[in-house]
Amino acid sequence: MKIEILGTGCKKCKKLEENAKEAVQSLGVEATVEKVEDMKTIMEYGVMSTPGLVIDGVVKSTGKVLKAEDIKKFL
């Protein structure tokens, strides 16, 4: 599983990345969590509001910091 956090490195983006890693660790699933800061790549996903959460190429959330418990539901 590939999890991407879309954002330019702001505080909210970093928090979403932490929460995603926590969710993965908590569930014990095989997944990589990758930070994507390239605006062109972010725009290719159609994300206009960061942070964005992408799981296996599918945008699951934009513009908000999901808690680890919320991310678990997508995993």
PDB file of N, CA and C in Angstrom:
ATOM      1  N   MET A   1       0.853  -1.170   0.000  1.00  0.00           N
ATOM      2  CA  MET A   1       0.000   0.000   0.000  1.00  0.00           C
ATOM      3  C   MET A   1       0.902   1.238   0.000  1.00  0.00           C
ATOM      4  N   LYS A   2       0.504   2.218  -0.769  1.00  0.00           N
ATOM      5  CA  LYS A   2       1.262   3.471  -0.840  1.00  0.00           C
ATOM      6  C   LYS A   2       0.377   4.623  -0.369  1.00  0.00           C
ATOM      7  N   ILE A   3       0.856   5.310   0.657  1.00  0.00           N
ATOM      8  CA  ILE A   3       0.135   6.455   1.207  1.00  0.00           C
ATOM      9  C   ILE A   3       0.957   7.700   0.906  1.00  0.00           C
ATOM     10  N   GLU A   4       0.301   8.686   0.308  1.00  0.00           N
ATOM     11  CA  GLU A   4       0.984   9.937   0.000  1.00  0.00           C
ATOM     12  C   GLU A   4       0.323  11.081   0.760  1.00  0.00           C
ATOM     13  N   ILE A   5       1.161  11.932   1.334  1.00  0.00           N
ATOM     14  CA  ILE A   5       0.690  13.133   1.999  1.00  0.00           C
ATOM     15  C   ILE A   5       1.057  14.301   1.085  1.00  0.00           C
ATOM     16  N   LEU A   6       0.045  14.993   0.595  1.00  0.00           N
ATOM     17  CA  LEU A   6       0.267  16.102  -0.335  1.00  0.00           C
ATOM     18  C   LEU A   6       0.286  17.417   0.425  1.00  0.00           C
ATOM     19  N   GLY A   7       1.354  18.182   0.227  1.00  0.00           N
ATOM     20  CA  GLY A   7       1.450  19.478   0.893  1.00  0.00           C
ATOM     21  C   GLY A   7       2.845  20.048   0.781  1.00  0.00           C
ATOM     22  N   THR A   8       2.945  21.326   1.027  1.00  0.00           N
ATOM     23  CA  THR A   8       4.209  22.026   0.830  1.00  0.00           C
ATOM     24  C   THR A   8       5.108  22.026   2.060  1.00  0.00           C
ATOM     25  N   GLY A   9       4.742  21.315   3.086  1.00  0.00           N
ATOM     26  CA  GLY A   9       5.588  21.232   4.270  1.00  0.00           C
ATOM     27  C   GLY A   9       5.092  22.051   5.447  1.00  0.00           C
ATOM     28  N   CYS A  10       3.859  22.465   5.400  1.00  0.00           N
ATOM     29  CA  CYS A  10       3.295  23.257   6.495  1.00  0.00           C
ATOM     30  C   CYS A  10       3.072  22.378   7.731  1.00  0.00           C
ATOM     31  N   LYS A  11       2.748  23.014   8.822  1.00  0.00           N
ATOM     32  CA  LYS A  11       2.517  22.327  10.099  1.00  0.00           C
ATOM     33  C   LYS A  11       1.418  21.271   9.972  1.00  0.00           C
ATOM     34  N   LYS A  12       0.334  21.617   9.276  1.00  0.00           N
ATOM     35  CA  LYS A  12      -0.785  20.684   9.116  1.00  0.00           C
ATOM     36  C   LYS A  12      -0.372  19.458   8.301  1.00  0.00           C
ATOM     37  N   CYS A  13       0.439  19.686   7.269  1.00  0.00           N
ATOM     38  CA  CYS A  13       0.897  18.580   6.424  1.00  0.00           C
ATOM     39  C   CYS A  13       1.755  17.616   7.233  1.00  0.00           C
ATOM     40  N   LYS A  14       2.636  18.163   8.050  1.00  0.00           N
ATOM     41  CA  LYS A  14       3.508  17.334   8.876  1.00  0.00           C
ATOM     42  C   LYS A  14       2.696  16.532   9.895  1.00  0.00           C
ATOM     43  N   LYS A  15       1.666  17.140  10.451  1.00  0.00           N
ATOM     44  CA  LYS A  15       0.813  16.455  11.424  1.00  0.00           C
ATOM     45  C   LYS A  15       0.048  15.312  10.758  1.00  0.00           C
ATOM     46  N   LEU A  16      -0.447  15.543   9.541  1.00  0.00           N
ATOM     47  CA  LEU A  16      -1.162  14.489   8.819  1.00  0.00           C
ATOM     48  C   LEU A  16      -0.212  13.324   8.524  1.00  0.00           C
ATOM     49  N   GLU A  17       1.027  13.640   8.176  1.00  0.00           N
ATOM     50  CA  GLU A  17       2.016  12.592   7.928  1.00  0.00           C
ATOM     51  C   GLU A  17       2.253  11.772   9.199  1.00  0.00           C
ATOM     52  N   GLU A  18       2.402  12.443  10.328  1.00  0.00           N
ATOM     53  CA  GLU A  18       2.585  11.748  11.616  1.00  0.00           C
ATOM     54  C   GLU A  18       1.391  10.846  11.914  1.00  0.00           C
ATOM     55  N   ASN A  19       0.186  11.373  11.707  1.00  0.00           N
ATOM     56  CA  ASN A  19      -1.028  10.604  11.988  1.00  0.00           C
ATOM     57  C   ASN A  19      -1.146   9.390  11.063  1.00  0.00           C
ATOM     58  N   ALA A  20      -0.746   9.550   9.804  1.00  0.00           N
ATOM     59  CA  ALA A  20      -0.794   8.433   8.856  1.00  0.00           C
ATOM     60  C   ALA A  20       0.176   7.340   9.287  1.00  0.00           C
ATOM     61  N   LYS A  21       1.378   7.729   9.693  1.00  0.00           N
ATOM     62  CA  LYS A  21       2.358   6.742  10.157  1.00  0.00           C
ATOM     63  C   LYS A  21       1.861   6.031  11.412  1.00  0.00           C
ATOM     64  N   GLU A  22       1.226   6.775  12.288  1.00  0.00           N
ATOM     65  CA  GLU A  22       0.663   6.189  13.509  1.00  0.00           C
ATOM     66  C   GLU A  22      -0.421   5.172  13.168  1.00  0.00           C
ATOM     67  N   ALA A  23      -1.284   5.501  12.213  1.00  0.00           N
ATOM     68  CA  ALA A  23      -2.363   4.591  11.804  1.00  0.00           C
ATOM     69  C   ALA A  23      -1.795   3.312  11.201  1.00  0.00           C
ATOM     70  N   VAL A  24      -0.788   3.438  10.361  1.00  0.00           N
ATOM     71  CA  VAL A  24      -0.162   2.278   9.729  1.00  0.00           C
ATOM     72  C   VAL A  24       0.470   1.381  10.789  1.00  0.00           C
ATOM     73  N   GLN A  25       1.215   1.995  11.698  1.00  0.00           N
ATOM     74  CA  GLN A  25       1.875   1.232  12.759  1.00  0.00           C
ATOM     75  C   GLN A  25       0.855   0.548  13.673  1.00  0.00           C
ATOM     76  N   SER A  26      -0.194   1.260  14.008  1.00  0.00           N
ATOM     77  CA  SER A  26      -1.222   0.730  14.898  1.00  0.00           C
ATOM     78  C   SER A  26      -1.911  -0.496  14.309  1.00  0.00           C
ATOM     79  N   LEU A  27      -2.169  -0.447  12.988  1.00  0.00           N
ATOM     80  CA  LEU A  27      -2.849  -1.566  12.331  1.00  0.00           C
ATOM     81  C   LEU A  27      -1.883  -2.671  11.910  1.00  0.00           C
ATOM     82  N   GLY A  28      -0.590  -2.348  11.840  1.00  0.00           N
ATOM     83  CA  GLY A  28       0.399  -3.334  11.433  1.00  0.00           C
ATOM     84  C   GLY A  28       0.310  -3.709   9.964  1.00  0.00           C
ATOM     85  N   VAL A  29      -0.140  -2.781   9.129  1.00  0.00           N
ATOM     86  CA  VAL A  29      -0.255  -3.056   7.695  1.00  0.00           C
ATOM     87  C   VAL A  29       1.049  -2.708   6.978  1.00  0.00           C
ATOM     88  N   GLU A  30       1.253  -3.348   5.817  1.00  0.00           N
ATOM     89  CA  GLU A  30       2.406  -3.047   4.974  1.00  0.00           C
ATOM     90  C   GLU A  30       2.075  -1.810   4.151  1.00  0.00           C
ATOM     91  N   ALA A  31       2.766  -0.725   4.432  1.00  0.00           N
ATOM     92  CA  ALA A  31       2.494   0.516   3.704  1.00  0.00           C
ATOM     93  C   ALA A  31       3.695   1.440   3.777  1.00  0.00           C
ATOM     94  N   THR A  32       3.872   2.229   2.729  1.00  0.00           N
ATOM     95  CA  THR A  32       4.879   3.282   2.750  1.00  0.00           C
ATOM     96  C   THR A  32       4.148   4.610   2.833  1.00  0.00           C
ATOM     97  N   VAL A  33       4.672   5.496   3.649  1.00  0.00           N
ATOM     98  CA  VAL A  33       4.103   6.839   3.777  1.00  0.00           C
ATOM     99  C   VAL A  33       5.114   7.795   3.169  1.00  0.00           C
ATOM    100  N   GLU A  34       4.666   8.491   2.140  1.00  0.00           N
ATOM    101  CA  GLU A  34       5.550   9.365   1.378  1.00  0.00           C
ATOM    102  C   GLU A  34       5.017  10.791   1.372  1.00  0.00           C
ATOM    103  N   LYS A  35       5.892  11.742   1.562  1.00  0.00           N
ATOM    104  CA  LYS A  35       5.520  13.168   1.535  1.00  0.00           C
ATOM    105  C   LYS A  35       5.727  13.684   0.124  1.00  0.00           C
ATOM    106  N   VAL A  36       4.709  14.312  -0.444  1.00  0.00           N
ATOM    107  CA  VAL A  36       4.785  14.884  -1.792  1.00  0.00           C
ATOM    108  C   VAL A  36       4.654  16.395  -1.671  1.00  0.00           C
ATOM    109  N   GLU A  37       5.727  17.106  -1.999  1.00  0.00           N
ATOM    110  CA  GLU A  37       5.728  18.562  -1.883  1.00  0.00           C
ATOM    111  C   GLU A  37       5.736  19.274  -3.232  1.00  0.00           C
ATOM    112  N   ASP A  38       5.887  18.511  -4.316  1.00  0.00           N
ATOM    113  CA  ASP A  38       5.935  19.089  -5.660  1.00  0.00           C
ATOM    114  C   ASP A  38       4.536  19.557  -6.076  1.00  0.00           C
ATOM    115  N   MET A  39       4.404  20.866  -6.288  1.00  0.00           N
ATOM    116  CA  MET A  39       3.086  21.434  -6.616  1.00  0.00           C
ATOM    117  C   MET A  39       2.487  20.850  -7.892  1.00  0.00           C
ATOM    118  N   LYS A  40       3.323  20.541  -8.871  1.00  0.00           N
ATOM    119  CA  LYS A  40       2.816  19.967 -10.126  1.00  0.00           C
ATOM    120  C   LYS A  40       2.155  18.609  -9.854  1.00  0.00           C
ATOM    121  N   THR A  41       2.817  17.801  -9.049  1.00  0.00           N
ATOM    122  CA  THR A  41       2.265  16.489  -8.701  1.00  0.00           C
ATOM    123  C   THR A  41       0.968  16.643  -7.915  1.00  0.00           C
ATOM    124  N   ILE A  42       0.952  17.574  -6.969  1.00  0.00           N
ATOM    125  CA  ILE A  42      -0.248  17.824  -6.171  1.00  0.00           C
ATOM    126  C   ILE A  42      -1.401  18.251  -7.087  1.00  0.00           C
ATOM    127  N   MET A  43      -1.122  19.121  -8.033  1.00  0.00           N
ATOM    128  CA  MET A  43      -2.157  19.589  -8.961  1.00  0.00           C
ATOM    129  C   MET A  43      -2.657  18.461  -9.867  1.00  0.00           C
ATOM    130  N   GLU A  44      -1.780  17.516 -10.207  1.00  0.00           N
ATOM    131  CA  GLU A  44      -2.191  16.385 -11.045  1.00  0.00           C
ATOM    132  C   GLU A  44      -3.260  15.541 -10.348  1.00  0.00           C
ATOM    133  N   TYR A  45      -3.243  15.530  -9.035  1.00  0.00           N
ATOM    134  CA  TYR A  45      -4.284  14.830  -8.269  1.00  0.00           C
ATOM    135  C   TYR A  45      -5.562  15.662  -8.178  1.00  0.00           C
ATOM    136  N   GLY A  46      -5.507  16.909  -8.609  1.00  0.00           N
ATOM    137  CA  GLY A  46      -6.678  17.778  -8.537  1.00  0.00           C
ATOM    138  C   GLY A  46      -6.908  18.350  -7.152  1.00  0.00           C
ATOM    139  N   VAL A  47      -5.884  18.296  -6.313  1.00  0.00           N
ATOM    140  CA  VAL A  47      -6.003  18.787  -4.948  1.00  0.00           C
ATOM    141  C   VAL A  47      -5.748  20.288  -4.932  1.00  0.00           C
ATOM    142  N   MET A  48      -6.735  21.039  -4.474  1.00  0.00           N
ATOM    143  CA  MET A  48      -6.626  22.498  -4.436  1.00  0.00           C
ATOM    144  C   MET A  48      -6.393  23.003  -3.016  1.00  0.00           C
ATOM    145  N   SER A  49      -6.622  22.142  -2.038  1.00  0.00           N
ATOM    146  CA  SER A  49      -6.480  22.525  -0.637  1.00  0.00           C
ATOM    147  C   SER A  49      -5.679  21.443   0.088  1.00  0.00           C
ATOM    148  N   THR A  50      -4.549  21.842   0.657  1.00  0.00           N
ATOM    149  CA  THR A  50      -3.712  20.869   1.355  1.00  0.00           C
ATOM    150  C   THR A  50      -3.938  20.970   2.853  1.00  0.00           C
ATOM    151  N   PRO A  51      -3.629  19.969   3.602  1.00  0.00           N
ATOM    152  CA  PRO A  51      -2.967  18.738   3.174  1.00  0.00           C
ATOM    153  C   PRO A  51      -3.931  17.774   2.497  1.00  0.00           C
ATOM    154  N   GLY A  52      -3.352  16.907   1.684  1.00  0.00           N
ATOM    155  CA  GLY A  52      -4.144  15.894   1.009  1.00  0.00           C
ATOM    156  C   GLY A  52      -3.661  14.508   1.397  1.00  0.00           C
ATOM    157  N   LEU A  53      -4.585  13.580   1.472  1.00  0.00           N
ATOM    158  CA  LEU A  53      -4.261  12.186   1.775  1.00  0.00           C
ATOM    159  C   LEU A  53      -4.631  11.342   0.561  1.00  0.00           C
ATOM    160  N   VAL A  54      -3.637  10.626   0.032  1.00  0.00           N
ATOM    161  CA  VAL A  54      -3.845   9.774  -1.135  1.00  0.00           C
ATOM    162  C   VAL A  54      -3.427   8.355  -0.760  1.00  0.00           C
ATOM    163  N   ILE A  55      -4.299   7.405  -1.024  1.00  0.00           N
ATOM    164  CA  ILE A  55      -3.993   6.005  -0.747  1.00  0.00           C
ATOM    165  C   ILE A  55      -4.109   5.228  -2.054  1.00  0.00           C
ATOM    166  N   ASP A  56      -2.994   4.619  -2.444  1.00  0.00           N
ATOM    167  CA  ASP A  56      -2.912   3.856  -3.697  1.00  0.00           C
ATOM    168  C   ASP A  56      -3.459   4.641  -4.890  1.00  0.00           C
ATOM    169  N   GLY A  57      -3.095   5.914  -4.960  1.00  0.00           N
ATOM    170  CA  GLY A  57      -3.450   6.750  -6.097  1.00  0.00           C
ATOM    171  C   GLY A  57      -4.829   7.370  -6.042  1.00  0.00           C
ATOM    172  N   VAL A  58      -5.579   7.128  -4.973  1.00  0.00           N
ATOM    173  CA  VAL A  58      -6.940   7.662  -4.839  1.00  0.00           C
ATOM    174  C   VAL A  58      -6.962   8.712  -3.731  1.00  0.00           C
ATOM    175  N   VAL A  59      -7.426   9.913  -4.072  1.00  0.00           N
ATOM    176  CA  VAL A  59      -7.512  10.991  -3.086  1.00  0.00           C
ATOM    177  C   VAL A  59      -8.627  10.661  -2.100  1.00  0.00           C
ATOM    178  N   LYS A  60      -8.271  10.612  -0.808  1.00  0.00           N
ATOM    179  CA  LYS A  60      -9.248  10.273   0.228  1.00  0.00           C
ATOM    180  C   LYS A  60      -9.689  11.494   1.039  1.00  0.00           C
ATOM    181  N   SER A  61      -8.815  12.510   1.112  1.00  0.00           N
ATOM    182  CA  SER A  61      -9.133  13.674   1.926  1.00  0.00           C
ATOM    183  C   SER A  61      -8.302  14.860   1.461  1.00  0.00           C
ATOM    184  N   THR A  62      -8.894  16.063   1.539  1.00  0.00           N
ATOM    185  CA  THR A  62      -8.152  17.286   1.239  1.00  0.00           C
ATOM    186  C   THR A  62      -8.544  18.374   2.226  1.00  0.00           C
ATOM    187  N   GLY A  63      -7.576  19.227   2.532  1.00  0.00           N
ATOM    188  CA  GLY A  63      -7.851  20.414   3.319  1.00  0.00           C
ATOM    189  C   GLY A  63      -8.065  20.229   4.802  1.00  0.00           C
ATOM    190  N   LYS A  64      -7.804  19.015   5.318  1.00  0.00           N
ATOM    191  CA  LYS A  64      -7.979  18.840   6.755  1.00  0.00           C
ATOM    192  C   LYS A  64      -6.980  17.819   7.285  1.00  0.00           C
ATOM    193  N   VAL A  65      -6.704  17.934   8.565  1.00  0.00           N
ATOM    194  CA  VAL A  65      -5.789  17.012   9.233  1.00  0.00           C
ATOM    195  C   VAL A  65      -6.621  15.924   9.878  1.00  0.00           C
ATOM    196  N   LEU A  66      -6.604  14.749   9.267  1.00  0.00           N
ATOM    197  CA  LEU A  66      -7.343  13.624   9.818  1.00  0.00           C
ATOM    198  C   LEU A  66      -6.589  13.038  11.002  1.00  0.00           C
ATOM    199  N   LYS A  67      -7.322  12.560  11.981  1.00  0.00           N
ATOM    200  CA  LYS A  67      -6.724  11.879  13.121  1.00  0.00           C
ATOM    201  C   LYS A  67      -6.361  10.453  12.681  1.00  0.00           C
ATOM    202  N   ALA A  68      -5.462   9.838  13.421  1.00  0.00           N
ATOM    203  CA  ALA A  68      -5.047   8.469  13.100  1.00  0.00           C
ATOM    204  C   ALA A  68      -6.252   7.530  13.016  1.00  0.00           C
ATOM    205  N   GLU A  69      -7.204   7.705  13.922  1.00  0.00           N
ATOM    206  CA  GLU A  69      -8.403   6.856  13.931  1.00  0.00           C
ATOM    207  C   GLU A  69      -9.198   6.997  12.628  1.00  0.00           C
ATOM    208  N   ASP A  70      -9.261   8.217  12.085  1.00  0.00           N
ATOM    209  CA  ASP A  70      -9.980   8.443  10.829  1.00  0.00           C
ATOM    210  C   ASP A  70      -9.236   7.815   9.655  1.00  0.00           C
ATOM    211  N   ILE A  71      -7.909   7.905   9.686  1.00  0.00           N
ATOM    212  CA  ILE A  71      -7.099   7.329   8.601  1.00  0.00           C
ATOM    213  C   ILE A  71      -7.217   5.814   8.588  1.00  0.00           C
ATOM    214  N   LYS A  72      -7.313   5.216   9.761  1.00  0.00           N
ATOM    215  CA  LYS A  72      -7.452   3.762   9.866  1.00  0.00           C
ATOM    216  C   LYS A  72      -8.659   3.251   9.073  1.00  0.00           C
ATOM    217  N   LYS A  73      -9.723   4.028   9.043  1.00  0.00           N
ATOM    218  CA  LYS A  73     -10.941   3.626   8.331  1.00  0.00           C
ATOM    219  C   LYS A  73     -10.686   3.476   6.837  1.00  0.00           C
ATOM    220  N   PHE A  74      -9.741   4.264   6.288  1.00  0.00           N
ATOM    221  CA  PHE A  74      -9.413   4.174   4.867  1.00  0.00           C
ATOM    222  C   PHE A  74      -8.473   3.006   4.588  1.00  0.00           C
ATOM    223  N   LEU A  75      -7.754   2.560   5.609  1.00  0.00           N
ATOM    224  CA  LEU A  75      -6.780   1.495   5.417  1.00  0.00           C
ATOM    225  C   LEU A  75      -7.436   0.136   5.512  1.00  0.00           C
TER     226      LEU A  75
END
